[in-house]
Amino acid sequence: MDKRKNNGGHSTNGGRKSKAEEQSLIEKLSPLEPKAYEALEAALNDGKDWAVKLFFQYNYGMPKQVVDQHNTHDINTFNINDVFKIK
């Protein structure tokens, strides 16, 4: 039996909205766009941290994250007997 319907996704979010629903939301919010820009500008002028962060993330993208990958094991000193406790 095909059980792919049980894989992945979150049952709480109901999935992605249809294109029609997205377009409807865009049409409802579009008239508010100038107010949103004014609010962001006011927050930037007030030096709000969240506004500065939002501005830079949308204009320049998120900074690259660096992951420190120090090797804790050296392949030259690896011993399979230590892993399985073989005598």
PDB file of N, CA and C in Angstrom:
ATOM      1  N   MET A   1       0.842  -1.181   0.000  1.00  0.00           N
ATOM      2  CA  MET A   1       0.000   0.000   0.000  1.00  0.00           C
ATOM      3  C   MET A   1       0.889   1.247   0.000  1.00  0.00           C
ATOM      4  N   ASP A   2       0.488   2.267  -0.727  1.00  0.00           N
ATOM      5  CA  ASP A   2       1.262   3.503  -0.828  1.00  0.00           C
ATOM      6  C   ASP A   2       1.031   4.357   0.411  1.00  0.00           C
ATOM      7  N   LYS A   3       2.102   4.582   1.160  1.00  0.00           N
ATOM      8  CA  LYS A   3       1.966   5.348   2.401  1.00  0.00           C
ATOM      9  C   LYS A   3       2.662   6.707   2.312  1.00  0.00           C
ATOM     10  N   ARG A   4       2.877   7.185   1.087  1.00  0.00           N
ATOM     11  CA  ARG A   4       3.557   8.470   0.935  1.00  0.00           C
ATOM     12  C   ARG A   4       2.773   9.616   1.551  1.00  0.00           C
ATOM     13  N   LYS A   5       1.473   9.502   1.612  1.00  0.00           N
ATOM     14  CA  LYS A   5       0.674  10.582   2.192  1.00  0.00           C
ATOM     15  C   LYS A   5       0.999  10.776   3.666  1.00  0.00           C
ATOM     16  N   ASN A   6       1.591   9.756   4.289  1.00  0.00           N
ATOM     17  CA  ASN A   6       1.953   9.847   5.700  1.00  0.00           C
ATOM     18  C   ASN A   6       3.350  10.422   5.913  1.00  0.00           C
ATOM     19  N   ASN A   7       4.068  10.704   4.838  1.00  0.00           N
ATOM     20  CA  ASN A   7       5.442  11.201   4.951  1.00  0.00           C
ATOM     21  C   ASN A   7       5.496  12.718   4.915  1.00  0.00           C
ATOM     22  N   GLY A   8       6.334  13.290   5.771  1.00  0.00           N
ATOM     23  CA  GLY A   8       6.676  14.704   5.707  1.00  0.00           C
ATOM     24  C   GLY A   8       5.512  15.652   5.928  1.00  0.00           C
ATOM     25  N   GLY A   9       5.847  16.922   5.896  1.00  0.00           N
ATOM     26  CA  GLY A   9       4.850  17.970   6.049  1.00  0.00           C
ATOM     27  C   GLY A   9       4.358  18.105   7.476  1.00  0.00           C
ATOM     28  N   HIS A  10       3.677  19.166   7.735  1.00  0.00           N
ATOM     29  CA  HIS A  10       3.109  19.416   9.055  1.00  0.00           C
ATOM     30  C   HIS A  10       1.596  19.432   8.925  1.00  0.00           C
ATOM     31  N   SER A  11       0.959  18.620   9.702  1.00  0.00           N
ATOM     32  CA  SER A  11      -0.493  18.544   9.614  1.00  0.00           C
ATOM     33  C   SER A  11      -1.162  19.802  10.154  1.00  0.00           C
ATOM     34  N   THR A  12      -0.407  20.598  10.925  1.00  0.00           N
ATOM     35  CA  THR A  12      -1.016  21.777  11.545  1.00  0.00           C
ATOM     36  C   THR A  12      -1.130  22.960  10.595  1.00  0.00           C
ATOM     37  N   ASN A  13      -0.307  23.016   9.545  1.00  0.00           N
ATOM     38  CA  ASN A  13      -0.338  24.207   8.694  1.00  0.00           C
ATOM     39  C   ASN A  13      -1.268  24.068   7.496  1.00  0.00           C
ATOM     40  N   GLY A  14      -1.764  22.883   7.200  1.00  0.00           N
ATOM     41  CA  GLY A  14      -2.732  22.716   6.127  1.00  0.00           C
ATOM     42  C   GLY A  14      -2.140  22.832   4.736  1.00  0.00           C
ATOM     43  N   GLY A  15      -0.839  22.925   4.610  1.00  0.00           N
ATOM     44  CA  GLY A  15      -0.210  22.996   3.301  1.00  0.00           C
ATOM     45  C   GLY A  15      -0.175  24.403   2.737  1.00  0.00           C
ATOM     46  N   ARG A  16       0.347  24.495   1.529  1.00  0.00           N
ATOM     47  CA  ARG A  16       0.481  25.790   0.867  1.00  0.00           C
ATOM     48  C   ARG A  16      -0.867  26.268   0.351  1.00  0.00           C
ATOM     49  N   LYS A  17      -1.046  27.569   0.409  1.00  0.00           N
ATOM     50  CA  LYS A  17      -2.276  28.176  -0.100  1.00  0.00           C
ATOM     51  C   LYS A  17      -2.307  28.049  -1.622  1.00  0.00           C
ATOM     52  N   SER A  18      -3.505  28.011  -2.163  1.00  0.00           N
ATOM     53  CA  SER A  18      -3.634  27.937  -3.618  1.00  0.00           C
ATOM     54  C   SER A  18      -3.205  29.281  -4.224  1.00  0.00           C
ATOM     55  N   LYS A  19      -2.911  29.242  -5.508  1.00  0.00           N
ATOM     56  CA  LYS A  19      -2.515  30.476  -6.211  1.00  0.00           C
ATOM     57  C   LYS A  19      -3.606  31.535  -6.098  1.00  0.00           C
ATOM     58  N   ALA A  20      -4.859  31.113  -6.175  1.00  0.00           N
ATOM     59  CA  ALA A  20      -5.981  32.049  -6.082  1.00  0.00           C
ATOM     60  C   ALA A  20      -6.015  32.710  -4.703  1.00  0.00           C
ATOM     61  N   GLU A  21      -5.760  31.917  -3.651  1.00  0.00           N
ATOM     62  CA  GLU A  21      -5.755  32.480  -2.293  1.00  0.00           C
ATOM     63  C   GLU A  21      -4.590  33.447  -2.110  1.00  0.00           C
ATOM     64  N   GLU A  22      -3.429  33.074  -2.663  1.00  0.00           N
ATOM     65  CA  GLU A  22      -2.270  33.967  -2.578  1.00  0.00           C
ATOM     66  C   GLU A  22      -2.547  35.278  -3.307  1.00  0.00           C
ATOM     67  N   GLN A  23      -3.120  35.199  -4.498  1.00  0.00           N
ATOM     68  CA  GLN A  23      -3.415  36.392  -5.282  1.00  0.00           C
ATOM     69  C   GLN A  23      -4.424  37.273  -4.562  1.00  0.00           C
ATOM     70  N   SER A  24      -5.416  36.656  -3.924  1.00  0.00           N
ATOM     71  CA  SER A  24      -6.416  37.405  -3.169  1.00  0.00           C
ATOM     72  C   SER A  24      -5.766  38.157  -2.007  1.00  0.00           C
ATOM     73  N   LEU A  25      -4.861  37.493  -1.314  1.00  0.00           N
ATOM     74  CA  LEU A  25      -4.162  38.135  -0.199  1.00  0.00           C
ATOM     75  C   LEU A  25      -3.300  39.296  -0.686  1.00  0.00           C
ATOM     76  N   ILE A  26      -2.610  39.099  -1.807  1.00  0.00           N
ATOM     77  CA  ILE A  26      -1.791  40.176  -2.384  1.00  0.00           C
ATOM     78  C   ILE A  26      -2.660  41.377  -2.727  1.00  0.00           C
ATOM     79  N   GLU A  27      -3.818  41.137  -3.313  1.00  0.00           N
ATOM     80  CA  GLU A  27      -4.716  42.229  -3.679  1.00  0.00           C
ATOM     81  C   GLU A  27      -5.235  42.976  -2.458  1.00  0.00           C
ATOM     82  N   LYS A  28      -5.470  42.242  -1.362  1.00  0.00           N
ATOM     83  CA  LYS A  28      -5.942  42.888  -0.135  1.00  0.00           C
ATOM     84  C   LYS A  28      -4.844  43.721   0.526  1.00  0.00           C
ATOM     85  N   LEU A  29      -3.612  43.238   0.462  1.00  0.00           N
ATOM     86  CA  LEU A  29      -2.519  43.912   1.161  1.00  0.00           C
ATOM     87  C   LEU A  29      -1.855  45.011   0.343  1.00  0.00           C
ATOM     88  N   SER A  30      -1.959  44.960  -0.967  1.00  0.00           N
ATOM     89  CA  SER A  30      -1.290  45.944  -1.825  1.00  0.00           C
ATOM     90  C   SER A  30      -1.609  47.396  -1.475  1.00  0.00           C
ATOM     91  N   PRO A  31      -2.848  47.750  -1.157  1.00  0.00           N
ATOM     92  CA  PRO A  31      -3.119  49.146  -0.802  1.00  0.00           C
ATOM     93  C   PRO A  31      -2.393  49.600   0.470  1.00  0.00           C
ATOM     94  N   LEU A  32      -1.976  48.651   1.298  1.00  0.00           N
ATOM     95  CA  LEU A  32      -1.285  49.001   2.547  1.00  0.00           C
ATOM     96  C   LEU A  32       0.221  49.140   2.377  1.00  0.00           C
ATOM     97  N   GLU A  33       0.723  48.864   1.186  1.00  0.00           N
ATOM     98  CA  GLU A  33       2.161  48.890   0.948  1.00  0.00           C
ATOM     99  C   GLU A  33       2.814  50.226   1.309  1.00  0.00           C
ATOM    100  N   PRO A  34       2.247  51.377   0.906  1.00  0.00           N
ATOM    101  CA  PRO A  34       2.887  52.646   1.286  1.00  0.00           C
ATOM    102  C   PRO A  34       2.984  52.831   2.804  1.00  0.00           C
ATOM    103  N   LYS A  35       1.944  52.395   3.533  1.00  0.00           N
ATOM    104  CA  LYS A  35       1.978  52.505   4.997  1.00  0.00           C
ATOM    105  C   LYS A  35       3.055  51.614   5.594  1.00  0.00           C
ATOM    106  N   ALA A  36       3.245  50.434   5.011  1.00  0.00           N
ATOM    107  CA  ALA A  36       4.272  49.515   5.509  1.00  0.00           C
ATOM    108  C   ALA A  36       5.655  50.129   5.321  1.00  0.00           C
ATOM    109  N   TYR A  37       5.889  50.735   4.161  1.00  0.00           N
ATOM    110  CA  TYR A  37       7.174  51.392   3.925  1.00  0.00           C
ATOM    111  C   TYR A  37       7.378  52.573   4.869  1.00  0.00           C
ATOM    112  N   GLU A  38       6.316  53.331   5.109  1.00  0.00           N
ATOM    113  CA  GLU A  38       6.418  54.461   6.045  1.00  0.00           C
ATOM    114  C   GLU A  38       6.733  53.979   7.450  1.00  0.00           C
ATOM    115  N   ALA A  39       6.096  52.883   7.870  1.00  0.00           N
ATOM    116  CA  ALA A  39       6.348  52.328   9.207  1.00  0.00           C
ATOM    117  C   ALA A  39       7.779  51.829   9.320  1.00  0.00           C
ATOM    118  N   LEU A  40       8.275  51.182   8.273  1.00  0.00           N
ATOM    119  CA  LEU A  40       9.663  50.716   8.285  1.00  0.00           C
ATOM    120  C   LEU A  40      10.619  51.899   8.317  1.00  0.00           C
ATOM    121  N   GLU A  41      10.329  52.915   7.545  1.00  0.00           N
ATOM    122  CA  GLU A  41      11.186  54.104   7.539  1.00  0.00           C
ATOM    123  C   GLU A  41      11.206  54.769   8.914  1.00  0.00           C
ATOM    124  N   ALA A  42      10.052  54.871   9.553  1.00  0.00           N
ATOM    125  CA  ALA A  42       9.981  55.466  10.888  1.00  0.00           C
ATOM    126  C   ALA A  42      10.786  54.642  11.888  1.00  0.00           C
ATOM    127  N   ALA A  43      10.674  53.318  11.797  1.00  0.00           N
ATOM    128  CA  ALA A  43      11.428  52.452  12.704  1.00  0.00           C
ATOM    129  C   ALA A  43      12.920  52.573  12.449  1.00  0.00           C
ATOM    130  N   LEU A  44      13.324  52.698  11.185  1.00  0.00           N
ATOM    131  CA  LEU A  44      14.745  52.891  10.864  1.00  0.00           C
ATOM    132  C   LEU A  44      15.237  54.228  11.416  1.00  0.00           C
ATOM    133  N   ASN A  45      14.416  55.264  11.280  1.00  0.00           N
ATOM    134  CA  ASN A  45      14.794  56.585  11.804  1.00  0.00           C
ATOM    135  C   ASN A  45      14.906  56.583  13.321  1.00  0.00           C
ATOM    136  N   ASP A  46      14.111  55.723  13.970  1.00  0.00           N
ATOM    137  CA  ASP A  46      14.176  55.604  15.433  1.00  0.00           C
ATOM    138  C   ASP A  46      15.291  54.675  15.888  1.00  0.00           C
ATOM    139  N   GLY A  47      15.984  54.074  14.931  1.00  0.00           N
ATOM    140  CA  GLY A  47      17.100  53.188  15.261  1.00  0.00           C
ATOM    141  C   GLY A  47      16.664  51.847  15.840  1.00  0.00           C
ATOM    142  N   LYS A  48      15.492  51.383  15.476  1.00  0.00           N
ATOM    143  CA  LYS A  48      15.008  50.089  15.974  1.00  0.00           C
ATOM    144  C   LYS A  48      15.868  48.968  15.381  1.00  0.00           C
ATOM    145  N   ASP A  49      16.389  48.113  16.247  1.00  0.00           N
ATOM    146  CA  ASP A  49      17.271  47.032  15.808  1.00  0.00           C
ATOM    147  C   ASP A  49      16.597  46.109  14.792  1.00  0.00           C
ATOM    148  N   TRP A  50      15.343  45.747  15.044  1.00  0.00           N
ATOM    149  CA  TRP A  50      14.651  44.815  14.166  1.00  0.00           C
ATOM    150  C   TRP A  50      14.503  45.394  12.764  1.00  0.00           C
ATOM    151  N   ALA A  51      14.299  46.709  12.684  1.00  0.00           N
ATOM    152  CA  ALA A  51      14.111  47.354  11.380  1.00  0.00           C
ATOM    153  C   ALA A  51      15.415  47.377  10.592  1.00  0.00           C
ATOM    154  N   VAL A  52      16.502  47.652  11.278  1.00  0.00           N
ATOM    155  CA  VAL A  52      17.815  47.656  10.619  1.00  0.00           C
ATOM    156  C   VAL A  52      18.140  46.254  10.113  1.00  0.00           C
ATOM    157  N   LYS A  53      17.906  45.254  10.961  1.00  0.00           N
ATOM    158  CA  LYS A  53      18.161  43.862  10.580  1.00  0.00           C
ATOM    159  C   LYS A  53      17.313  43.464   9.374  1.00  0.00           C
ATOM    160  N   LEU A  54      16.024  43.792   9.409  1.00  0.00           N
ATOM    161  CA  LEU A  54      15.120  43.472   8.309  1.00  0.00           C
ATOM    162  C   LEU A  54      15.574  44.143   7.020  1.00  0.00           C
ATOM    163  N   PHE A  55      15.934  45.414   7.116  1.00  0.00           N
ATOM    164  CA  PHE A  55      16.380  46.169   5.936  1.00  0.00           C
ATOM    165  C   PHE A  55      17.583  45.499   5.286  1.00  0.00           C
ATOM    166  N   PHE A  56      18.600  45.186   6.090  1.00  0.00           N
ATOM    167  CA  PHE A  56      19.817  44.603   5.534  1.00  0.00           C
ATOM    168  C   PHE A  56      19.596  43.176   5.038  1.00  0.00           C
ATOM    169  N   GLN A  57      18.779  42.402   5.721  1.00  0.00           N
ATOM    170  CA  GLN A  57      18.529  41.031   5.266  1.00  0.00           C
ATOM    171  C   GLN A  57      17.828  41.007   3.920  1.00  0.00           C
ATOM    172  N   TYR A  58      16.887  41.908   3.719  1.00  0.00           N
ATOM    173  CA  TYR A  58      16.175  41.927   2.441  1.00  0.00           C
ATOM    174  C   TYR A  58      16.986  42.559   1.322  1.00  0.00           C
ATOM    175  N   ASN A  59      17.882  43.463   1.667  1.00  0.00           N
ATOM    176  CA  ASN A  59      18.681  44.110   0.629  1.00  0.00           C
ATOM    177  C   ASN A  59      19.969  43.370   0.308  1.00  0.00           C
ATOM    178  N   TYR A  60      20.572  42.743   1.294  1.00  0.00           N
ATOM    179  CA  TYR A  60      21.874  42.117   1.089  1.00  0.00           C
ATOM    180  C   TYR A  60      21.884  40.629   1.389  1.00  0.00           C
ATOM    181  N   GLY A  61      20.798  40.084   1.912  1.00  0.00           N
ATOM    182  CA  GLY A  61      20.727  38.661   2.220  1.00  0.00           C
ATOM    183  C   GLY A  61      21.314  38.359   3.588  1.00  0.00           C
ATOM    184  N   MET A  62      21.075  37.139   4.017  1.00  0.00           N
ATOM    185  CA  MET A  62      21.582  36.695   5.316  1.00  0.00           C
ATOM    186  C   MET A  62      23.092  36.482   5.202  1.00  0.00           C
ATOM    187  N   PRO A  63      23.825  36.777   6.275  1.00  0.00           N
ATOM    188  CA  PRO A  63      25.267  36.499   6.237  1.00  0.00           C
ATOM    189  C   PRO A  63      25.495  34.993   6.203  1.00  0.00           C
ATOM    190  N   LYS A  64      26.607  34.600   5.604  1.00  0.00           N
ATOM    191  CA  LYS A  64      26.939  33.181   5.546  1.00  0.00           C
ATOM    192  C   LYS A  64      27.268  32.694   6.943  1.00  0.00           C
ATOM    193  N   GLN A  65      26.767  31.513   7.255  1.00  0.00           N
ATOM    194  CA  GLN A  65      27.053  30.923   8.553  1.00  0.00           C
ATOM    195  C   GLN A  65      28.262  30.011   8.416  1.00  0.00           C
ATOM    196  N   VAL A  66      29.163  30.127   9.364  1.00  0.00           N
ATOM    197  CA  VAL A  66      30.371  29.317   9.357  1.00  0.00           C
ATOM    198  C   VAL A  66      30.218  28.237  10.420  1.00  0.00           C
ATOM    199  N   VAL A  67      30.459  27.000  10.007  1.00  0.00           N
ATOM    200  CA  VAL A  67      30.373  25.875  10.926  1.00  0.00           C
ATOM    201  C   VAL A  67      31.790  25.393  11.193  1.00  0.00           C
ATOM    202  N   ASP A  68      32.155  25.352  12.462  1.00  0.00           N
ATOM    203  CA  ASP A  68      33.474  24.889  12.847  1.00  0.00           C
ATOM    204  C   ASP A  68      33.471  23.369  12.854  1.00  0.00           C
ATOM    205  N   GLN A  69      34.267  22.777  11.979  1.00  0.00           N
ATOM    206  CA  GLN A  69      34.264  21.324  11.849  1.00  0.00           C
ATOM    207  C   GLN A  69      35.615  20.750  12.256  1.00  0.00           C
ATOM    208  N   HIS A  70      35.935  20.876  13.507  1.00  0.00           N
ATOM    209  CA  HIS A  70      37.177  20.287  13.987  1.00  0.00           C
ATOM    210  C   HIS A  70      37.002  18.786  14.055  1.00  0.00           C
ATOM    211  N   ASN A  71      37.948  18.084  13.501  1.00  0.00           N
ATOM    212  CA  ASN A  71      37.890  16.630  13.549  1.00  0.00           C
ATOM    213  C   ASN A  71      38.234  16.158  14.950  1.00  0.00           C
ATOM    214  N   THR A  72      37.354  15.345  15.494  1.00  0.00           N
ATOM    215  CA  THR A  72      37.637  14.767  16.805  1.00  0.00           C
ATOM    216  C   THR A  72      38.248  13.390  16.654  1.00  0.00           C
ATOM    217  N   HIS A  73      38.219  12.861  15.430  1.00  0.00           N
ATOM    218  CA  HIS A  73      38.795  11.548  15.169  1.00  0.00           C
ATOM    219  C   HIS A  73      39.765  11.656  14.001  1.00  0.00           C
ATOM    220  N   ASP A  74      40.851  10.985  14.147  1.00  0.00           N
ATOM    221  CA  ASP A  74      41.841  10.933  13.073  1.00  0.00           C
ATOM    222  C   ASP A  74      41.758   9.550  12.453  1.00  0.00           C
ATOM    223  N   ILE A  75      41.614   9.470  11.160  1.00  0.00           N
ATOM    224  CA  ILE A  75      41.467   8.186  10.485  1.00  0.00           C
ATOM    225  C   ILE A  75      42.692   7.306  10.708  1.00  0.00           C
ATOM    226  N   ASN A  76      43.825   7.912  10.928  1.00  0.00           N
ATOM    227  CA  ASN A  76      45.052   7.132  11.121  1.00  0.00           C
ATOM    228  C   ASN A  76      45.111   6.469  12.493  1.00  0.00           C
ATOM    229  N   THR A  77      44.366   6.981  13.460  1.00  0.00           N
ATOM    230  CA  THR A  77      44.394   6.394  14.796  1.00  0.00           C
ATOM    231  C   THR A  77      43.105   5.658  15.121  1.00  0.00           C
ATOM    232  N   PHE A  78      42.215   5.528  14.150  1.00  0.00           N
ATOM    233  CA  PHE A  78      40.941   4.851  14.353  1.00  0.00           C
ATOM    234  C   PHE A  78      41.177   3.349  14.495  1.00  0.00           C
ATOM    235  N   ASN A  79      40.531   2.767  15.494  1.00  0.00           N
ATOM    236  CA  ASN A  79      40.684   1.339  15.726  1.00  0.00           C
ATOM    237  C   ASN A  79      39.299   0.730  15.878  1.00  0.00           C
ATOM    238  N   ILE A  80      38.926  -0.164  14.948  1.00  0.00           N
ATOM    239  CA  ILE A  80      37.597  -0.778  14.967  1.00  0.00           C
ATOM    240  C   ILE A  80      37.384  -1.589  16.237  1.00  0.00           C
ATOM    241  N   ASN A  81      38.447  -2.119  16.789  1.00  0.00           N
ATOM    242  CA  ASN A  81      38.322  -2.896  18.032  1.00  0.00           C
ATOM    243  C   ASN A  81      37.820  -2.036  19.185  1.00  0.00           C
ATOM    244  N   ASP A  82      38.189  -0.757  19.187  1.00  0.00           N
ATOM    245  CA  ASP A  82      37.724   0.157  20.238  1.00  0.00           C
ATOM    246  C   ASP A  82      36.221   0.429  20.120  1.00  0.00           C
ATOM    247  N   VAL A  83      35.722   0.437  18.910  1.00  0.00           N
ATOM    248  CA  VAL A  83      34.313   0.714  18.681  1.00  0.00           C
ATOM    249  C   VAL A  83      33.443  -0.431  19.193  1.00  0.00           C
ATOM    250  N   PHE A  84      33.841  -1.646  18.871  1.00  0.00           N
ATOM    251  CA  PHE A  84      33.035  -2.812  19.231  1.00  0.00           C
ATOM    252  C   PHE A  84      33.556  -3.557  20.452  1.00  0.00           C
ATOM    253  N   LYS A  85      34.578  -3.017  21.085  1.00  0.00           N
ATOM    254  CA  LYS A  85      35.156  -3.623  22.293  1.00  0.00           C
ATOM    255  C   LYS A  85      35.591  -5.076  22.024  1.00  0.00           C
ATOM    256  N   ILE A  86      36.243  -5.258  20.906  1.00  0.00           N
ATOM    257  CA  ILE A  86      36.765  -6.586  20.536  1.00  0.00           C
ATOM    258  C   ILE A  86      38.146  -6.735  21.155  1.00  0.00           C
ATOM    259  N   LYS A  87      38.399  -7.908  21.704  1.00  0.00           N
ATOM    260  CA  LYS A  87      39.703  -8.156  22.327  1.00  0.00           C
ATOM    261  C   LYS A  87      40.662  -8.746  21.357  1.00  0.00           C
TER     262      LYS A  87
END
